[in-house]
Amino acid sequence: LRRKVRELRRLVPGGTAVPADQLLLRTADYIVRLRARIQLLRALSELVAVTNHGDCRADGDAVSM
């Protein structure tokens, strides 16, 4: 258990400065924020893919701006 707590302290930003019980709460919050960031990056990636696809001509050449 101590090894796992040490690892969490290393992985979670600010984890070295909090007691173990608060570390678990901070870890849960960090996971939620990471998931939100992943969702945002996926949405942005899809938007870029759709936008880039819309900028292509029928002959395959990209439209320059």
PDB file of N, CA and C in Angstrom:
ATOM      1  N   LEU A   1       0.827  -1.198   0.000  1.00  0.00           N
ATOM      2  CA  LEU A   1       0.000   0.000   0.000  1.00  0.00           C
ATOM      3  C   LEU A   1       0.872   1.263   0.000  1.00  0.00           C
ATOM      4  N   ARG A   2       1.950   1.233   0.779  1.00  0.00           N
ATOM      5  CA  ARG A   2       2.837   2.399   0.836  1.00  0.00           C
ATOM      6  C   ARG A   2       3.462   2.689  -0.516  1.00  0.00           C
ATOM      7  N   ARG A   3       3.819   1.618  -1.223  1.00  0.00           N
ATOM      8  CA  ARG A   3       4.415   1.787  -2.548  1.00  0.00           C
ATOM      9  C   ARG A   3       3.417   2.433  -3.507  1.00  0.00           C
ATOM     10  N   LYS A   4       2.167   2.024  -3.417  1.00  0.00           N
ATOM     11  CA  LYS A   4       1.130   2.588  -4.281  1.00  0.00           C
ATOM     12  C   LYS A   4       0.865   4.055  -3.941  1.00  0.00           C
ATOM     13  N   VAL A   5       0.875   4.389  -2.671  1.00  0.00           N
ATOM     14  CA  VAL A   5       0.695   5.782  -2.256  1.00  0.00           C
ATOM     15  C   VAL A   5       1.860   6.627  -2.757  1.00  0.00           C
ATOM     16  N   ARG A   6       3.078   6.097  -2.657  1.00  0.00           N
ATOM     17  CA  ARG A   6       4.263   6.813  -3.172  1.00  0.00           C
ATOM     18  C   ARG A   6       4.128   7.066  -4.669  1.00  0.00           C
ATOM     19  N   GLU A   7       3.655   6.059  -5.390  1.00  0.00           N
ATOM     20  CA  GLU A   7       3.481   6.195  -6.836  1.00  0.00           C
ATOM     21  C   GLU A   7       2.421   7.245  -7.159  1.00  0.00           C
ATOM     22  N   LEU A   8       1.312   7.235  -6.418  1.00  0.00           N
ATOM     23  CA  LEU A   8       0.281   8.271  -6.626  1.00  0.00           C
ATOM     24  C   LEU A   8       0.846   9.658  -6.359  1.00  0.00           C
ATOM     25  N   ARG A   9       1.606   9.785  -5.310  1.00  0.00           N
ATOM     26  CA  ARG A   9       2.220  11.082  -4.989  1.00  0.00           C
ATOM     27  C   ARG A   9       3.094  11.567  -6.141  1.00  0.00           C
ATOM     28  N   ARG A  10       3.757  10.632  -6.804  1.00  0.00           N
ATOM     29  CA  ARG A  10       4.620  10.985  -7.925  1.00  0.00           C
ATOM     30  C   ARG A  10       3.809  11.375  -9.165  1.00  0.00           C
ATOM     31  N   LEU A  11       2.675  10.715  -9.371  1.00  0.00           N
ATOM     32  CA  LEU A  11       1.887  10.913 -10.586  1.00  0.00           C
ATOM     33  C   LEU A  11       0.928  12.095 -10.531  1.00  0.00           C
ATOM     34  N   VAL A  12       0.371  12.351  -9.362  1.00  0.00           N
ATOM     35  CA  VAL A  12      -0.671  13.378  -9.226  1.00  0.00           C
ATOM     36  C   VAL A  12      -0.023  14.726  -8.906  1.00  0.00           C
ATOM     37  N   PRO A  13      -0.311  15.744  -9.716  1.00  0.00           N
ATOM     38  CA  PRO A  13       0.251  17.070  -9.435  1.00  0.00           C
ATOM     39  C   PRO A  13      -0.123  17.547  -8.033  1.00  0.00           C
ATOM     40  N   GLY A  14       0.857  17.996  -7.281  1.00  0.00           N
ATOM     41  CA  GLY A  14       0.629  18.471  -5.922  1.00  0.00           C
ATOM     42  C   GLY A  14       0.450  17.359  -4.910  1.00  0.00           C
ATOM     43  N   GLY A  15       0.646  16.124  -5.329  1.00  0.00           N
ATOM     44  CA  GLY A  15       0.416  14.975  -4.457  1.00  0.00           C
ATOM     45  C   GLY A  15       1.387  14.863  -3.305  1.00  0.00           C
ATOM     46  N   THR A  16       2.565  15.424  -3.456  1.00  0.00           N
ATOM     47  CA  THR A  16       3.558  15.302  -2.387  1.00  0.00           C
ATOM     48  C   THR A  16       3.228  16.183  -1.196  1.00  0.00           C
ATOM     49  N   ALA A  17       2.333  17.146  -1.380  1.00  0.00           N
ATOM     50  CA  ALA A  17       2.068  18.117  -0.322  1.00  0.00           C
ATOM     51  C   ALA A  17       0.807  17.818   0.487  1.00  0.00           C
ATOM     52  N   VAL A  18       0.141  16.672   0.257  1.00  0.00           N
ATOM     53  CA  VAL A  18      -1.115  16.391   0.950  1.00  0.00           C
ATOM     54  C   VAL A  18      -1.047  15.047   1.671  1.00  0.00           C
ATOM     55  N   PRO A  19      -1.828  14.909   2.752  1.00  0.00           N
ATOM     56  CA  PRO A  19      -1.915  13.610   3.440  1.00  0.00           C
ATOM     57  C   PRO A  19      -2.578  12.556   2.547  1.00  0.00           C
ATOM     58  N   ALA A  20      -2.405  11.284   2.894  1.00  0.00           N
ATOM     59  CA  ALA A  20      -2.877  10.180   2.061  1.00  0.00           C
ATOM     60  C   ALA A  20      -4.381  10.240   1.789  1.00  0.00           C
ATOM     61  N   ASP A  21      -5.200  10.591   2.784  1.00  0.00           N
ATOM     62  CA  ASP A  21      -6.647  10.632   2.549  1.00  0.00           C
ATOM     63  C   ASP A  21      -7.008  11.717   1.539  1.00  0.00           C
ATOM     64  N   GLN A  22      -6.358  12.850   1.615  1.00  0.00           N
ATOM     65  CA  GLN A  22      -6.592  13.917   0.640  1.00  0.00           C
ATOM     66  C   GLN A  22      -5.984  13.577  -0.716  1.00  0.00           C
ATOM     67  N   LEU A  23      -4.931  12.781  -0.704  1.00  0.00           N
ATOM     68  CA  LEU A  23      -4.312  12.346  -1.953  1.00  0.00           C
ATOM     69  C   LEU A  23      -5.307  11.549  -2.795  1.00  0.00           C
ATOM     70  N   LEU A  24      -6.100  10.713  -2.144  1.00  0.00           N
ATOM     71  CA  LEU A  24      -7.100   9.938  -2.876  1.00  0.00           C
ATOM     72  C   LEU A  24      -8.152  10.845  -3.506  1.00  0.00           C
ATOM     73  N   LEU A  25      -8.584  11.860  -2.795  1.00  0.00           N
ATOM     74  CA  LEU A  25      -9.535  12.819  -3.358  1.00  0.00           C
ATOM     75  C   LEU A  25      -8.903  13.596  -4.508  1.00  0.00           C
ATOM     76  N   ARG A  26      -7.648  14.003  -4.321  1.00  0.00           N
ATOM     77  CA  ARG A  26      -6.943  14.737  -5.365  1.00  0.00           C
ATOM     78  C   ARG A  26      -6.752  13.858  -6.603  1.00  0.00           C
ATOM     79  N   THR A  27      -6.501  12.580  -6.385  1.00  0.00           N
ATOM     80  CA  THR A  27      -6.342  11.640  -7.498  1.00  0.00           C
ATOM     81  C   THR A  27      -7.642  11.510  -8.273  1.00  0.00           C
ATOM     82  N   ALA A  28      -8.746  11.373  -7.570  1.00  0.00           N
ATOM     83  CA  ALA A  28     -10.054  11.267  -8.231  1.00  0.00           C
ATOM     84  C   ALA A  28     -10.338  12.530  -9.049  1.00  0.00           C
ATOM     85  N   ASP A  29     -10.038  13.697  -8.492  1.00  0.00           N
ATOM     86  CA  ASP A  29     -10.240  14.952  -9.205  1.00  0.00           C
ATOM     87  C   ASP A  29      -9.348  15.024 -10.442  1.00  0.00           C
ATOM     88  N   TYR A  30      -8.117  14.566 -10.303  1.00  0.00           N
ATOM     89  CA  TYR A  30      -7.169  14.575 -11.414  1.00  0.00           C
ATOM     90  C   TYR A  30      -7.661  13.666 -12.542  1.00  0.00           C
ATOM     91  N   ILE A  31      -8.199  12.513 -12.192  1.00  0.00           N
ATOM     92  CA  ILE A  31      -8.739  11.593 -13.193  1.00  0.00           C
ATOM     93  C   ILE A  31      -9.898  12.239 -13.936  1.00  0.00           C
ATOM     94  N   VAL A  32     -10.776  12.907 -13.227  1.00  0.00           N
ATOM     95  CA  VAL A  32     -11.917  13.589 -13.856  1.00  0.00           C
ATOM     96  C   VAL A  32     -11.422  14.653 -14.828  1.00  0.00           C
ATOM     97  N   ARG A  33     -10.406  15.428 -14.409  1.00  0.00           N
ATOM     98  CA  ARG A  33      -9.868  16.475 -15.283  1.00  0.00           C
ATOM     99  C   ARG A  33      -9.166  15.891 -16.507  1.00  0.00           C
ATOM    100  N   LEU A  34      -8.465  14.781 -16.323  1.00  0.00           N
ATOM    101  CA  LEU A  34      -7.818  14.136 -17.464  1.00  0.00           C
ATOM    102  C   LEU A  34      -8.840  13.608 -18.462  1.00  0.00           C
ATOM    103  N   ARG A  35      -9.911  13.012 -17.955  1.00  0.00           N
ATOM    104  CA  ARG A  35     -10.971  12.520 -18.853  1.00  0.00           C
ATOM    105  C   ARG A  35     -11.610  13.664 -19.637  1.00  0.00           C
ATOM    106  N   ALA A  36     -11.845  14.787 -18.965  1.00  0.00           N
ATOM    107  CA  ALA A  36     -12.420  15.945 -19.646  1.00  0.00           C
ATOM    108  C   ALA A  36     -11.470  16.455 -20.718  1.00  0.00           C
ATOM    109  N   ARG A  37     -10.186  16.471 -20.417  1.00  0.00           N
ATOM    110  CA  ARG A  37      -9.185  16.924 -21.398  1.00  0.00           C
ATOM    111  C   ARG A  37      -9.156  15.987 -22.602  1.00  0.00           C
ATOM    112  N   ILE A  38      -9.259  14.679 -22.355  1.00  0.00           N
ATOM    113  CA  ILE A  38      -9.277  13.708 -23.448  1.00  0.00           C
ATOM    114  C   ILE A  38     -10.499  13.922 -24.325  1.00  0.00           C
ATOM    115  N   GLN A  39     -11.661  14.137 -23.706  1.00  0.00           N
ATOM    116  CA  GLN A  39     -12.879  14.384 -24.479  1.00  0.00           C
ATOM    117  C   GLN A  39     -12.736  15.640 -25.326  1.00  0.00           C
ATOM    118  N   LEU A  40     -12.165  16.685 -24.755  1.00  0.00           N
ATOM    119  CA  LEU A  40     -11.963  17.925 -25.495  1.00  0.00           C
ATOM    120  C   LEU A  40     -11.013  17.708 -26.668  1.00  0.00           C
ATOM    121  N   LEU A  41      -9.912  17.023 -26.429  1.00  0.00           N
ATOM    122  CA  LEU A  41      -8.948  16.779 -27.511  1.00  0.00           C
ATOM    123  C   LEU A  41      -9.546  15.900 -28.602  1.00  0.00           C
ATOM    124  N   ARG A  42     -10.355  14.922 -28.238  1.00  0.00           N
ATOM    125  CA  ARG A  42     -11.022  14.093 -29.248  1.00  0.00           C
ATOM    126  C   ARG A  42     -11.980  14.932 -30.090  1.00  0.00           C
ATOM    127  N   ALA A  43     -12.747  15.788 -29.425  1.00  0.00           N
ATOM    128  CA  ALA A  43     -13.691  16.636 -30.146  1.00  0.00           C
ATOM    129  C   ALA A  43     -12.947  17.588 -31.084  1.00  0.00           C
ATOM    130  N   LEU A  44     -11.860  18.172 -30.616  1.00  0.00           N
ATOM    131  CA  LEU A  44     -11.068  19.067 -31.463  1.00  0.00           C
ATOM    132  C   LEU A  44     -10.462  18.310 -32.640  1.00  0.00           C
ATOM    133  N   SER A  45      -9.995  17.103 -32.384  1.00  0.00           N
ATOM    134  CA  SER A  45      -9.428  16.282 -33.443  1.00  0.00           C
ATOM    135  C   SER A  45     -10.478  15.968 -34.512  1.00  0.00           C
ATOM    136  N   GLU A  46     -11.673  15.620 -34.083  1.00  0.00           N
ATOM    137  CA  GLU A  46     -12.751  15.347 -35.033  1.00  0.00           C
ATOM    138  C   GLU A  46     -13.119  16.599 -35.815  1.00  0.00           C
ATOM    139  N   LEU A  47     -13.142  17.733 -35.156  1.00  0.00           N
ATOM    140  CA  LEU A  47     -13.454  18.993 -35.820  1.00  0.00           C
ATOM    141  C   LEU A  47     -12.404  19.319 -36.876  1.00  0.00           C
ATOM    142  N   VAL A  48     -11.141  19.146 -36.531  1.00  0.00           N
ATOM    143  CA  VAL A  48     -10.063  19.400 -37.490  1.00  0.00           C
ATOM    144  C   VAL A  48     -10.167  18.436 -38.663  1.00  0.00           C
ATOM    145  N   ALA A  49     -10.458  17.185 -38.396  1.00  0.00           N
ATOM    146  CA  ALA A  49     -10.580  16.189 -39.462  1.00  0.00           C
ATOM    147  C   ALA A  49     -11.716  16.552 -40.404  1.00  0.00           C
ATOM    148  N   VAL A  50     -12.843  16.960 -39.865  1.00  0.00           N
ATOM    149  CA  VAL A  50     -13.997  17.343 -40.685  1.00  0.00           C
ATOM    150  C   VAL A  50     -13.670  18.609 -41.469  1.00  0.00           C
ATOM    151  N   THR A  51     -13.034  19.563 -40.816  1.00  0.00           N
ATOM    152  CA  THR A  51     -12.681  20.824 -41.473  1.00  0.00           C
ATOM    153  C   THR A  51     -11.687  20.570 -42.600  1.00  0.00           C
ATOM    154  N   ASN A  52     -10.674  19.768 -42.352  1.00  0.00           N
ATOM    155  CA  ASN A  52      -9.687  19.468 -43.386  1.00  0.00           C
ATOM    156  C   ASN A  52     -10.299  18.696 -44.540  1.00  0.00           C
ATOM    157  N   HIS A  53     -11.206  17.814 -44.243  1.00  0.00           N
ATOM    158  CA  HIS A  53     -11.879  17.050 -45.291  1.00  0.00           C
ATOM    159  C   HIS A  53     -12.711  17.981 -46.156  1.00  0.00           C
ATOM    160  N   GLY A  54     -13.325  18.973 -45.557  1.00  0.00           N
ATOM    161  CA  GLY A  54     -14.145  19.935 -46.302  1.00  0.00           C
ATOM    162  C   GLY A  54     -13.323  20.870 -47.160  1.00  0.00           C
ATOM    163  N   ASP A  55     -12.014  21.002 -46.881  1.00  0.00           N
ATOM    164  CA  ASP A  55     -11.143  21.887 -47.648  1.00  0.00           C
ATOM    165  C   ASP A  55     -10.499  21.203 -48.843  1.00  0.00           C
ATOM    166  N   CYS A  56     -10.833  19.944 -49.095  1.00  0.00           N
ATOM    167  CA  CYS A  56     -10.236  19.221 -50.216  1.00  0.00           C
ATOM    168  C   CYS A  56     -11.123  19.332 -51.441  1.00  0.00           C
ATOM    169  N   ARG A  57     -10.477  19.455 -52.593  1.00  0.00           N
ATOM    170  CA  ARG A  57     -11.197  19.481 -53.873  1.00  0.00           C
ATOM    171  C   ARG A  57     -11.460  18.052 -54.324  1.00  0.00           C
ATOM    172  N   ALA A  58     -12.285  17.909 -55.313  1.00  0.00           N
ATOM    173  CA  ALA A  58     -12.606  16.585 -55.858  1.00  0.00           C
ATOM    174  C   ALA A  58     -11.376  15.899 -56.443  1.00  0.00           C
ATOM    175  N   ASP A  59     -10.411  16.693 -56.966  1.00  0.00           N
ATOM    176  CA  ASP A  59      -9.225  16.091 -57.562  1.00  0.00           C
ATOM    177  C   ASP A  59      -8.155  15.757 -56.525  1.00  0.00           C
ATOM    178  N   GLY A  60      -8.446  15.989 -55.239  1.00  0.00           N
ATOM    179  CA  GLY A  60      -7.529  15.613 -54.182  1.00  0.00           C
ATOM    180  C   GLY A  60      -6.605  16.711 -53.728  1.00  0.00           C
ATOM    181  N   ASP A  61      -6.552  17.831 -54.437  1.00  0.00           N
ATOM    182  CA  ASP A  61      -5.694  18.935 -54.008  1.00  0.00           C
ATOM    183  C   ASP A  61      -6.404  19.760 -52.936  1.00  0.00           C
ATOM    184  N   ALA A  62      -5.668  20.121 -51.906  1.00  0.00           N
ATOM    185  CA  ALA A  62      -6.235  20.937 -50.843  1.00  0.00           C
ATOM    186  C   ALA A  62      -6.383  22.370 -51.329  1.00  0.00           C
ATOM    187  N   VAL A  63      -7.418  23.011 -50.867  1.00  0.00           N
ATOM    188  CA  VAL A  63      -7.642  24.425 -51.174  1.00  0.00           C
ATOM    189  C   VAL A  63      -6.730  25.241 -50.284  1.00  0.00           C
ATOM    190  N   SER A  64      -5.920  26.098 -50.857  1.00  0.00           N
ATOM    191  CA  SER A  64      -5.034  26.939 -50.043  1.00  0.00           C
ATOM    192  C   SER A  64      -5.727  28.236 -49.713  1.00  0.00           C
ATOM    193  N   MET A  65      -5.398  28.727 -48.526  1.00  0.00           N
ATOM    194  CA  MET A  65      -6.010  29.985 -48.073  1.00  0.00           C
ATOM    195  C   MET A  65      -4.973  31.038 -47.952  1.00  0.00           C
TER     196      MET A  65
END
